[in-house]
């Protein structure tokens, strides 16, 4: 990553006010997700700043959905958001990008309970996307499918429309969940 790219990524993250994503979207459109850029973003994920958590995970989600592949170490750094005390937006972004990650088998045993914990979060979007995270884990590691099906069935009683809508999308996306 050139020092110019590093400066632009850092500036966009510093400018992020927690609301407007224009500077983040501009960076995502103009800077290729080289391994160095992805690593810099993963390093921001580990910072103590809530805005940096949210901005870096937003950029990582954007790059991952466009086909960028994180290394196993970078994946570990990103998944740590689900077990750390991070801003809810950072957790949401990580849950949303789980389908674009290869979840290491040695990490899933710790990840599964962390994602289940997210299903009881006060934020309805975190709850909704946590069910997606459980489905992704079960899709990549079929040993979890029976447990995921039980949790998805129980979630049908969820009052939040956003959770019920996400459950419908999960059942469409994952044939075994239908």
Foldseek 3Di string as FASTA:
>chain_A
DDVVLVVLLVVLLVPQPVPDCVSLVVSLVPDQPDLVNLVSLLVLCPDPDQSSLLSSLVSVLSNLVVPDAHDPVSLVSLLVCLVDPHDVNSLLSSLNNLLSYQDDPVCVVVSVVSLVVQCPDPDPSSNQSSLVSQLSSCVNPVVSLVVSLVVLVVCCPPPDPSNVVSSVVSCVVDVSND
